[in-house]
Amino acid sequence: KRVETCSSLLLPGKSGKEMEFPFSLADGLLPDDITVLYRPINRSSVRSQRLATVIDTMGKLSAAAQGLRVPITTAEKWTASPDQKIYLMKDASANSGNGSVIGILKTGRKKLFLADFRGKFNQVEPLCLLDFYIHESRQRGGHGKRIFEYMLKCEGLKVHEVVIDRPSFNAWHFSGDTII
């Protein structure tokens, strides 16, 4: 499914316990439990602005959890990177049926140089896990594993075929506990 998004607005979640927004996620904004967002199409719709709000908010929370000063994921950066995909996981029943966002996972291809067994460097462009965040209130509940496995299924890849770009302590912890 292709969806549209772009402008970068930021409205924080209401409760702090979950990522609730002052609009419904259940009205088609995030149609599935895990929605895959591809390159945006329209920059001016209300839907686009709401998606940008969700992406920017989750990006800021991810950055804070990793101790970064600047978010890795924003709607603006995503719009400028046509090969990136964003996976958003929601809980449709939360927030009085309006839904809340549980987590975000962003992928994209990066040019890397890897040494072969003779020490010769070869340029490759594997799929990389660029950002990955599950809201603190929903961690340790299998949500990270579920969104990660969904991404693998969508991409047709196995765990060892995905590169984790600049893994944080949390990413190492997750990979050791969950996917390895």
C-alpha atoms as a PDB file:
ATOM      1  CA  LYS A   1       0.000   0.000   0.000  1.00  0.00           C
ATOM      2  CA  ARG A   2       1.271   3.431  -0.852  1.00  0.00           C
ATOM      3  CA  VAL A   3       0.310   6.314   1.368  1.00  0.00           C
ATOM      4  CA  GLU A   4       0.992   9.990   1.250  1.00  0.00           C
ATOM      5  CA  THR A   5       2.729  12.188   3.792  1.00  0.00           C
ATOM      6  CA  CYS A   6       5.137  15.043   4.040  1.00  0.00           C
ATOM      7  CA  SER A   7       4.884  18.213   6.073  1.00  0.00           C
ATOM      8  CA  SER A   8       6.597  18.113   9.418  1.00  0.00           C
ATOM      9  CA  LEU A   9       4.263  19.014  12.246  1.00  0.00           C
ATOM     10  CA  LEU A  10       4.782  17.859  15.807  1.00  0.00           C
ATOM     11  CA  LEU A  11       2.045  17.255  18.321  1.00  0.00           C
ATOM     12  CA  PRO A  12       3.137  15.163  21.307  1.00  0.00           C
ATOM     13  CA  GLY A  13       1.108  12.242  22.585  1.00  0.00           C
ATOM     14  CA  LYS A  14      -1.474  13.227  25.180  1.00  0.00           C
ATOM     15  CA  SER A  15      -0.828  10.790  27.985  1.00  0.00           C
ATOM     16  CA  GLY A  16       2.897  10.051  27.951  1.00  0.00           C
ATOM     17  CA  LYS A  17       2.001   6.397  28.581  1.00  0.00           C
ATOM     18  CA  GLU A  18       1.250   5.615  24.949  1.00  0.00           C
ATOM     19  CA  MET A  19       1.528   7.513  21.714  1.00  0.00           C
ATOM     20  CA  GLU A  20      -1.951   8.923  21.437  1.00  0.00           C
ATOM     21  CA  PHE A  21      -2.694  11.737  19.027  1.00  0.00           C
ATOM     22  CA  PRO A  22      -5.491  14.319  18.851  1.00  0.00           C
ATOM     23  CA  PHE A  23      -6.843  12.533  15.774  1.00  0.00           C
ATOM     24  CA  SER A  24      -7.954   9.005  15.027  1.00  0.00           C
ATOM     25  CA  LEU A  25      -5.524   6.431  13.688  1.00  0.00           C
ATOM     26  CA  ALA A  26      -8.484   4.135  13.067  1.00  0.00           C
ATOM     27  CA  ASP A  27     -10.064   6.156  10.245  1.00  0.00           C
ATOM     28  CA  GLY A  28      -7.727   4.826   7.568  1.00  0.00           C
ATOM     29  CA  LEU A  29      -4.626   6.775   8.559  1.00  0.00           C
ATOM     30  CA  LEU A  30      -2.925   3.544   9.627  1.00  0.00           C
ATOM     31  CA  PRO A  31      -5.245   0.922   8.119  1.00  0.00           C
ATOM     32  CA  ASP A  32      -3.407  -2.171   9.390  1.00  0.00           C
ATOM     33  CA  ASP A  33      -1.896  -3.240  12.712  1.00  0.00           C
ATOM     34  CA  ILE A  34       1.434  -2.722  10.944  1.00  0.00           C
ATOM     35  CA  THR A  35       1.233  -0.243   8.076  1.00  0.00           C
ATOM     36  CA  VAL A  36       4.064   0.119   5.568  1.00  0.00           C
ATOM     37  CA  LEU A  37       4.655   3.643   4.289  1.00  0.00           C
ATOM     38  CA  TYR A  38       6.451   4.079   0.983  1.00  0.00           C
ATOM     39  CA  ARG A  39       7.581   7.270  -0.667  1.00  0.00           C
ATOM     40  CA  PRO A  40       4.943   9.937  -0.119  1.00  0.00           C
ATOM     41  CA  ILE A  41       2.757  11.129  -2.964  1.00  0.00           C
ATOM     42  CA  ASN A  42       0.881  14.231  -1.801  1.00  0.00           C
ATOM     43  CA  ARG A  43       2.351  16.988   0.357  1.00  0.00           C
ATOM     44  CA  SER A  44      -0.752  18.989   1.226  1.00  0.00           C
ATOM     45  CA  SER A  45      -3.531  16.718   2.471  1.00  0.00           C
ATOM     46  CA  VAL A  46      -4.733  16.482   6.064  1.00  0.00           C
ATOM     47  CA  ARG A  47      -3.795  12.793   5.973  1.00  0.00           C
ATOM     48  CA  SER A  48      -0.235  13.701   4.970  1.00  0.00           C
ATOM     49  CA  GLN A  49       0.053  16.182   7.809  1.00  0.00           C
ATOM     50  CA  ARG A  50      -1.201  13.618  10.309  1.00  0.00           C
ATOM     51  CA  LEU A  51       1.228  10.980   9.069  1.00  0.00           C
ATOM     52  CA  ALA A  52       4.030  13.535   9.334  1.00  0.00           C
ATOM     53  CA  THR A  53       2.975  14.231  12.931  1.00  0.00           C
ATOM     54  CA  VAL A  54       3.150  10.532  13.778  1.00  0.00           C
ATOM     55  CA  ILE A  55       6.516  10.020  12.026  1.00  0.00           C
ATOM     56  CA  ASP A  56       8.112  13.122  13.555  1.00  0.00           C
ATOM     57  CA  THR A  57       6.858  12.307  17.059  1.00  0.00           C
ATOM     58  CA  MET A  58       8.085   8.715  16.921  1.00  0.00           C
ATOM     59  CA  GLY A  59      11.394   9.886  15.425  1.00  0.00           C
ATOM     60  CA  LYS A  60      11.945  12.294  18.312  1.00  0.00           C
ATOM     61  CA  LEU A  61      11.136   9.617  20.878  1.00  0.00           C
ATOM     62  CA  SER A  62      13.502   7.204  19.142  1.00  0.00           C
ATOM     63  CA  ALA A  63      16.282   9.791  19.180  1.00  0.00           C
ATOM     64  CA  ALA A  64      15.732  10.506  22.875  1.00  0.00           C
ATOM     65  CA  ALA A  65      15.811   6.780  23.693  1.00  0.00           C
ATOM     66  CA  GLN A  66      19.129   6.453  21.837  1.00  0.00           C
ATOM     67  CA  GLY A  67      20.625   9.594  23.385  1.00  0.00           C
ATOM     68  CA  LEU A  68      20.777  11.413  20.040  1.00  0.00           C
ATOM     69  CA  ARG A  69      20.426  15.182  19.742  1.00  0.00           C
ATOM     70  CA  VAL A  70      18.795  15.019  16.308  1.00  0.00           C
ATOM     71  CA  PRO A  71      16.190  12.478  15.168  1.00  0.00           C
ATOM     72  CA  ILE A  72      17.218   9.941  12.543  1.00  0.00           C
ATOM     73  CA  THR A  73      13.639   9.739  11.312  1.00  0.00           C
ATOM     74  CA  THR A  74      11.548  12.729  10.294  1.00  0.00           C
ATOM     75  CA  ALA A  75       8.854  13.061   7.655  1.00  0.00           C
ATOM     76  CA  GLU A  76      11.043  15.547   5.797  1.00  0.00           C
ATOM     77  CA  LYS A  77      14.078  13.220   5.675  1.00  0.00           C
ATOM     78  CA  TRP A  78      11.897  10.281   4.690  1.00  0.00           C
ATOM     79  CA  THR A  79      10.315  12.287   1.874  1.00  0.00           C
ATOM     80  CA  ALA A  80      13.773  13.064   0.494  1.00  0.00           C
ATOM     81  CA  SER A  81      14.828   9.387   0.507  1.00  0.00           C
ATOM     82  CA  PRO A  82      12.803   7.464  -2.083  1.00  0.00           C
ATOM     83  CA  ASP A  83      14.185   4.021  -1.179  1.00  0.00           C
ATOM     84  CA  GLN A  84      13.222   4.170   2.503  1.00  0.00           C
ATOM     85  CA  LYS A  85      10.184   2.476   4.011  1.00  0.00           C
ATOM     86  CA  ILE A  86       8.602   3.155   7.373  1.00  0.00           C
ATOM     87  CA  TYR A  87       6.705   0.477   9.270  1.00  0.00           C
ATOM     88  CA  LEU A  88       4.295   1.832  11.898  1.00  0.00           C
ATOM     89  CA  MET A  89       2.656  -0.469  14.444  1.00  0.00           C
ATOM     90  CA  LYS A  90      -0.546   0.571  16.172  1.00  0.00           C
ATOM     91  CA  ASP A  91      -2.889  -0.650  18.871  1.00  0.00           C
ATOM     92  CA  ALA A  92      -6.303  -0.013  17.321  1.00  0.00           C
ATOM     93  CA  SER A  93      -8.217  -0.467  20.588  1.00  0.00           C
ATOM     94  CA  ALA A  94      -6.244   2.072  22.652  1.00  0.00           C
ATOM     95  CA  ASN A  95      -7.213   5.699  23.193  1.00  0.00           C
ATOM     96  CA  SER A  96     -10.965   5.002  23.341  1.00  0.00           C
ATOM     97  CA  GLY A  97     -10.860   3.254  19.969  1.00  0.00           C
ATOM     98  CA  ASN A  98      -8.902   6.012  18.219  1.00  0.00           C
ATOM     99  CA  GLY A  99      -5.711   3.952  18.404  1.00  0.00           C
ATOM    100  CA  SER A 100      -2.186   4.625  19.587  1.00  0.00           C
ATOM    101  CA  VAL A 101       1.196   4.072  17.978  1.00  0.00           C
ATOM    102  CA  ILE A 102       3.308   1.305  19.488  1.00  0.00           C
ATOM    103  CA  GLY A 103       6.453   1.510  17.381  1.00  0.00           C
ATOM    104  CA  ILE A 104       8.312   2.522  14.252  1.00  0.00           C
ATOM    105  CA  LEU A 105      10.881   0.770  12.093  1.00  0.00           C
ATOM    106  CA  LYS A 106      12.632   2.435   9.144  1.00  0.00           C
ATOM    107  CA  THR A 107      14.585   0.641   6.412  1.00  0.00           C
ATOM    108  CA  GLY A 108      16.602   1.769   3.420  1.00  0.00           C
ATOM    109  CA  ARG A 109      19.542   0.799   1.270  1.00  0.00           C
ATOM    110  CA  LYS A 110      23.020   2.158   1.988  1.00  0.00           C
ATOM    111  CA  LYS A 111      26.251   1.865   0.063  1.00  0.00           C
ATOM    112  CA  LEU A 112      28.782   0.021   2.196  1.00  0.00           C
ATOM    113  CA  PHE A 113      32.270  -1.309   1.591  1.00  0.00           C
ATOM    114  CA  LEU A 114      32.861  -4.793   2.970  1.00  0.00           C
ATOM    115  CA  ALA A 115      36.110  -6.733   2.937  1.00  0.00           C
ATOM    116  CA  ASP A 116      36.081 -10.246   1.522  1.00  0.00           C
ATOM    117  CA  PHE A 117      38.192 -13.114   2.858  1.00  0.00           C
ATOM    118  CA  ARG A 118      41.264 -11.784   0.941  1.00  0.00           C
ATOM    119  CA  GLY A 119      40.888  -8.290   2.365  1.00  0.00           C
ATOM    120  CA  LYS A 120      39.592  -6.821  -0.903  1.00  0.00           C
ATOM    121  CA  PHE A 121      36.858  -4.245  -0.413  1.00  0.00           C
ATOM    122  CA  ASN A 122      33.643  -4.591  -2.375  1.00  0.00           C
ATOM    123  CA  GLN A 123      30.815  -2.097  -2.564  1.00  0.00           C
ATOM    124  CA  VAL A 124      27.408  -3.497  -1.623  1.00  0.00           C
ATOM    125  CA  GLU A 125      24.022  -1.896  -1.066  1.00  0.00           C
ATOM    126  CA  PRO A 126      22.151  -4.063   1.450  1.00  0.00           C
ATOM    127  CA  LEU A 127      18.877  -3.301   3.148  1.00  0.00           C
ATOM    128  CA  CYS A 128      19.688  -1.555   6.423  1.00  0.00           C
ATOM    129  CA  LEU A 129      17.678  -1.105   9.570  1.00  0.00           C
ATOM    130  CA  LEU A 130      18.005   2.673   9.964  1.00  0.00           C
ATOM    131  CA  ASP A 131      15.764   3.362  12.943  1.00  0.00           C
ATOM    132  CA  PHE A 132      13.786   1.152  15.292  1.00  0.00           C
ATOM    133  CA  TYR A 133      11.775   2.197  18.323  1.00  0.00           C
ATOM    134  CA  ILE A 134       9.042   0.688  20.458  1.00  0.00           C
ATOM    135  CA  HIS A 135       7.395   3.108  22.895  1.00  0.00           C
ATOM    136  CA  GLU A 136       8.699   2.573  26.431  1.00  0.00           C
ATOM    137  CA  SER A 137       5.255   1.701  27.742  1.00  0.00           C
ATOM    138  CA  ARG A 138       5.007  -1.186  25.258  1.00  0.00           C
ATOM    139  CA  GLN A 139       8.525  -2.658  25.402  1.00  0.00           C
ATOM    140  CA  ARG A 140       9.173  -6.234  26.521  1.00  0.00           C
ATOM    141  CA  GLY A 141       5.835  -7.350  25.093  1.00  0.00           C
ATOM    142  CA  GLY A 142       6.961  -8.906  21.811  1.00  0.00           C
ATOM    143  CA  HIS A 143       6.058  -5.853  19.710  1.00  0.00           C
ATOM    144  CA  GLY A 144       9.632  -5.275  18.522  1.00  0.00           C
ATOM    145  CA  LYS A 145       9.977  -8.865  17.408  1.00  0.00           C
ATOM    146  CA  ARG A 146       6.612  -8.735  15.664  1.00  0.00           C
ATOM    147  CA  ILE A 147       7.337  -5.572  13.640  1.00  0.00           C
ATOM    148  CA  PHE A 148      10.857  -6.805  12.809  1.00  0.00           C
ATOM    149  CA  GLU A 149       9.575 -10.193  11.595  1.00  0.00           C
ATOM    150  CA  TYR A 150       6.872  -8.448   9.571  1.00  0.00           C
ATOM    151  CA  MET A 151       9.529  -6.311   7.869  1.00  0.00           C
ATOM    152  CA  LEU A 152      11.587  -9.441   7.076  1.00  0.00           C
ATOM    153  CA  LYS A 153       8.508 -11.095   5.554  1.00  0.00           C
ATOM    154  CA  CYS A 154       7.643  -8.023   3.458  1.00  0.00           C
ATOM    155  CA  GLU A 155      11.220  -7.699   2.202  1.00  0.00           C
ATOM    156  CA  GLY A 156      11.629 -11.436   1.634  1.00  0.00           C
ATOM    157  CA  LEU A 157      14.783 -11.521   3.748  1.00  0.00           C
ATOM    158  CA  LYS A 158      16.310 -13.547   6.544  1.00  0.00           C
ATOM    159  CA  VAL A 159      17.727 -11.961   9.704  1.00  0.00           C
ATOM    160  CA  HIS A 160      21.363 -12.291   8.589  1.00  0.00           C
ATOM    161  CA  GLU A 161      20.614 -10.348   5.379  1.00  0.00           C
ATOM    162  CA  VAL A 162      19.707  -7.115   7.188  1.00  0.00           C
ATOM    163  CA  VAL A 163      22.393  -4.672   8.299  1.00  0.00           C
ATOM    164  CA  ILE A 164      21.770  -2.659  11.464  1.00  0.00           C
ATOM    165  CA  ASP A 165      23.143   0.800  10.746  1.00  0.00           C
ATOM    166  CA  ARG A 166      25.041   2.228  13.726  1.00  0.00           C
ATOM    167  CA  PRO A 167      23.361   0.015  16.310  1.00  0.00           C
ATOM    168  CA  SER A 168      22.578   1.597  19.656  1.00  0.00           C
ATOM    169  CA  PHE A 169      22.872  -0.244  22.951  1.00  0.00           C
ATOM    170  CA  ASN A 170      19.134  -0.945  22.761  1.00  0.00           C
ATOM    171  CA  ALA A 171      19.484  -2.419  19.258  1.00  0.00           C
ATOM    172  CA  TRP A 172      22.258  -4.743  20.449  1.00  0.00           C
ATOM    173  CA  HIS A 173      20.151  -5.754  23.431  1.00  0.00           C
ATOM    174  CA  PHE A 174      17.121  -6.402  21.214  1.00  0.00           C
ATOM    175  CA  SER A 175      19.086  -8.416  18.660  1.00  0.00           C
ATOM    176  CA  GLY A 176      20.651 -10.560  21.363  1.00  0.00           C
ATOM    177  CA  ASP A 177      17.377 -11.223  23.164  1.00  0.00           C
ATOM    178  CA  THR A 178      15.027 -11.519  20.245  1.00  0.00           C
ATOM    179  CA  ILE A 179      16.406 -12.162  16.790  1.00  0.00           C
ATOM    180  CA  ILE A 180      19.640 -14.046  17.203  1.00  0.00           C
END
